[in-house]
N, C-alpha and C. Protein backbone atom coordinates (compact mmCIF):
# COMPACT_ATOMS: atom_id res chain seq x y z
N UNK A 1 95.15 73.79 56.65
CA UNK A 1 94.19 74.61 57.73
C UNK A 1 94.88 76.11 58.03
N UNK A 2 94.32 77.11 57.66
CA UNK A 2 94.85 78.05 57.87
C UNK A 2 94.69 79.10 59.30
N UNK A 3 96.06 79.33 59.82
CA UNK A 3 95.38 79.89 61.18
C UNK A 3 94.97 81.53 61.16
N UNK A 4 94.48 81.62 62.33
CA UNK A 4 93.79 83.03 62.25
C UNK A 4 94.93 83.86 62.94
N UNK A 5 94.56 84.98 62.55
CA UNK A 5 95.85 86.31 63.11
C UNK A 5 96.21 85.98 64.53
N UNK A 6 95.18 86.02 65.30
CA UNK A 6 95.29 85.97 66.95
C UNK A 6 96.13 84.43 67.04
N UNK A 7 95.89 83.61 66.26
CA UNK A 7 96.85 82.22 66.66
C UNK A 7 98.32 82.43 66.22
N UNK A 8 98.26 83.19 65.09
CA UNK A 8 99.77 83.31 64.45
C UNK A 8 100.52 84.20 65.56
N UNK A 9 99.73 85.14 65.93
CA UNK A 9 100.25 86.30 66.90
C UNK A 9 100.73 85.35 68.02
N UNK A 10 99.70 84.62 68.50
CA UNK A 10 100.38 83.72 69.92
C UNK A 10 101.37 82.80 69.58
N UNK A 11 101.36 82.12 68.04
CA UNK A 11 102.42 81.13 67.97
C UNK A 11 103.64 81.86 67.74
N UNK A 12 103.86 83.33 67.15
CA UNK A 12 105.04 84.19 67.34
C UNK A 12 105.33 84.56 68.72
N UNK A 13 104.59 84.54 69.44
CA UNK A 13 104.72 85.41 70.81
C UNK A 13 105.33 84.07 71.77
N UNK A 14 104.98 83.19 71.75
CA UNK A 14 105.38 81.65 71.85
C UNK A 14 106.96 81.37 71.86
N UNK A 15 106.98 81.75 70.59
CA UNK A 15 108.32 81.28 69.94
C UNK A 15 109.37 82.58 70.44
N UNK A 16 108.90 83.89 70.58
CA UNK A 16 109.76 84.99 70.90
C UNK A 16 109.81 84.27 72.21
N UNK A 17 109.10 84.01 72.93
CA UNK A 17 109.28 83.93 74.79
C UNK A 17 110.42 82.94 74.78
N UNK A 18 110.20 81.75 73.91
CA UNK A 18 111.13 80.30 74.33
C UNK A 18 112.49 81.01 73.74
N UNK A 19 112.56 81.96 72.67
CA UNK A 19 113.91 81.83 72.35
C UNK A 19 114.57 82.71 73.19
N UNK A 20 114.00 83.90 73.90
CA UNK A 20 114.27 84.96 74.99
C UNK A 20 114.77 83.76 76.15
N UNK A 21 114.06 82.65 76.67
CA UNK A 21 114.05 81.85 78.05
C UNK A 21 115.54 81.32 77.17
N UNK A 22 115.63 80.93 75.99
CA UNK A 22 116.81 80.34 75.63
C UNK A 22 118.17 81.07 75.68
N UNK A 23 117.75 81.97 75.02
CA UNK A 23 119.22 83.24 74.84
C UNK A 23 119.63 83.51 76.35
N UNK A 24 118.67 83.86 77.45
CA UNK A 24 118.70 84.12 78.78
C UNK A 24 119.48 82.99 79.69
N UNK A 25 118.99 81.63 79.43
CA UNK A 25 120.09 80.53 79.80
C UNK A 25 121.29 80.65 79.29
N UNK A 26 121.53 80.52 77.95
CA UNK A 26 122.90 80.54 77.15
C UNK A 26 123.87 81.84 77.67
N UNK A 27 122.97 82.90 78.12
CA UNK A 27 123.68 84.08 78.64
C UNK A 27 124.06 83.72 80.07
N UNK A 28 123.45 82.84 81.11
CA UNK A 28 124.05 82.58 82.38
C UNK A 28 125.32 81.87 82.15
N UNK A 29 125.06 80.51 81.20
CA UNK A 29 125.86 79.59 81.20
C UNK A 29 127.50 80.47 80.65
N UNK A 30 127.29 81.27 79.89
CA UNK A 30 128.40 81.73 79.31
C UNK A 30 128.99 82.66 80.12
N UNK A 31 128.27 83.28 81.08
CA UNK A 31 128.68 84.52 82.21
C UNK A 31 129.54 83.95 83.08
N UNK A 32 128.79 82.52 83.71
CA UNK A 32 129.49 81.66 84.51
C UNK A 32 130.73 81.26 83.96
N UNK A 33 130.92 80.91 82.46
CA UNK A 33 132.42 80.26 82.08
C UNK A 33 133.00 81.45 82.24
N UNK A 34 132.82 82.82 81.61
CA UNK A 34 133.76 84.11 81.68
C UNK A 34 134.15 83.91 83.11
N UNK A 35 133.26 84.16 83.96
CA UNK A 35 133.95 84.36 85.55
C UNK A 35 134.78 83.35 85.83
N UNK A 36 134.69 82.01 85.43
CA UNK A 36 135.60 81.12 85.84
C UNK A 36 136.99 81.20 85.07
N UNK A 37 136.77 81.65 83.78
CA UNK A 37 138.30 81.87 82.95
C UNK A 37 138.81 82.97 83.29
N UNK A 38 138.04 84.40 83.92
CA UNK A 38 138.90 85.41 84.21
C UNK A 38 139.72 85.04 85.71
N UNK A 39 139.08 84.11 86.63
CA UNK A 39 139.59 83.68 87.84
C UNK A 39 140.63 82.87 87.56
N UNK A 40 140.57 81.75 86.35
CA UNK A 40 141.90 81.00 86.29
C UNK A 40 143.17 82.47 85.34
N UNK A 41 142.59 82.71 84.60
CA UNK A 41 143.51 84.04 84.01
C UNK A 41 144.53 84.49 85.18
N UNK A 42 143.81 85.20 86.16
CA UNK A 42 144.11 85.79 87.31
C UNK A 42 145.27 84.96 87.86
N UNK A 43 145.18 83.71 88.25
CA UNK A 43 146.13 82.59 88.88
C UNK A 43 146.92 82.43 88.20
N UNK A 44 146.98 82.25 87.05
CA UNK A 44 148.04 82.00 86.12
C UNK A 44 148.92 83.27 86.09
N UNK A 45 148.06 84.48 85.82
CA UNK A 45 149.19 85.60 86.08
C UNK A 45 149.84 85.79 87.13
N UNK A 46 149.23 85.55 88.46
CA UNK A 46 149.85 85.29 89.70
C UNK A 46 150.85 84.43 89.84
N UNK A 47 150.95 83.19 89.23
CA UNK A 47 152.04 82.20 89.26
C UNK A 47 152.87 82.52 88.51
N UNK A 48 152.40 82.90 87.34
CA UNK A 48 153.75 83.58 86.30
C UNK A 48 154.93 84.72 87.06
N UNK A 49 153.85 85.73 87.66
CA UNK A 49 154.70 86.63 88.39
C UNK A 49 155.62 86.17 89.48
N UNK A 50 155.01 85.18 90.02
CA UNK A 50 155.81 84.46 91.59
C UNK A 50 156.92 83.94 90.70
N UNK A 51 157.00 83.13 89.69
CA UNK A 51 158.08 82.54 88.78
C UNK A 51 159.29 83.23 88.43
N UNK A 52 158.41 84.41 87.76
CA UNK A 52 159.61 85.76 87.83
C UNK A 52 160.05 85.88 88.36
N UNK A 53 159.77 86.45 89.86
CA UNK A 53 160.37 86.42 91.15
C UNK A 53 161.47 85.80 91.36
N UNK A 54 160.73 84.79 91.61
CA UNK A 54 162.01 83.66 91.67
C UNK A 54 163.33 83.20 91.06
N UNK A 55 162.96 83.40 89.28
CA UNK A 55 163.85 83.59 88.66
C UNK A 55 164.72 84.63 88.91
N UNK A 56 164.30 85.99 89.28
CA UNK A 56 165.40 87.16 89.11
C UNK A 56 166.01 86.98 90.64
N UNK A 57 165.24 86.67 91.80
CA UNK A 57 165.82 86.43 93.04
C UNK A 57 167.29 85.14 92.60
N UNK A 58 167.03 83.93 91.84
CA UNK A 58 168.13 83.23 91.65
C UNK A 58 169.05 83.85 91.16
N UNK A 59 168.93 84.60 89.95
CA UNK A 59 170.02 85.45 89.08
C UNK A 59 170.76 86.50 89.74
N UNK A 60 170.48 86.88 90.73
CA UNK A 60 170.72 87.86 91.77
C UNK A 60 171.90 87.11 92.88
N UNK A 61 171.32 85.90 93.41
CA UNK A 61 172.34 85.13 94.14
C UNK A 61 173.36 84.79 93.47
N UNK A 62 173.42 84.20 92.23
CA UNK A 62 174.08 83.85 91.42
C UNK A 62 175.27 84.98 90.72
N UNK A 63 174.80 86.20 91.09
CA UNK A 63 175.53 87.40 90.82
C UNK A 63 176.12 87.76 89.73
């Protein structure tokens, strides 16, 4: 059975809409993961900085 032009266009629009919805969902998920990873990265940088300061203070005390 051959589809009419209108049916083909409707199918195409539906597939495109489904794809856009899927991409929007993936984008939201990736954005949330990115935000989480950025926060984790900042926390690790701060921890590293505190450890470096502690090591330098210990080095100064040893003189």
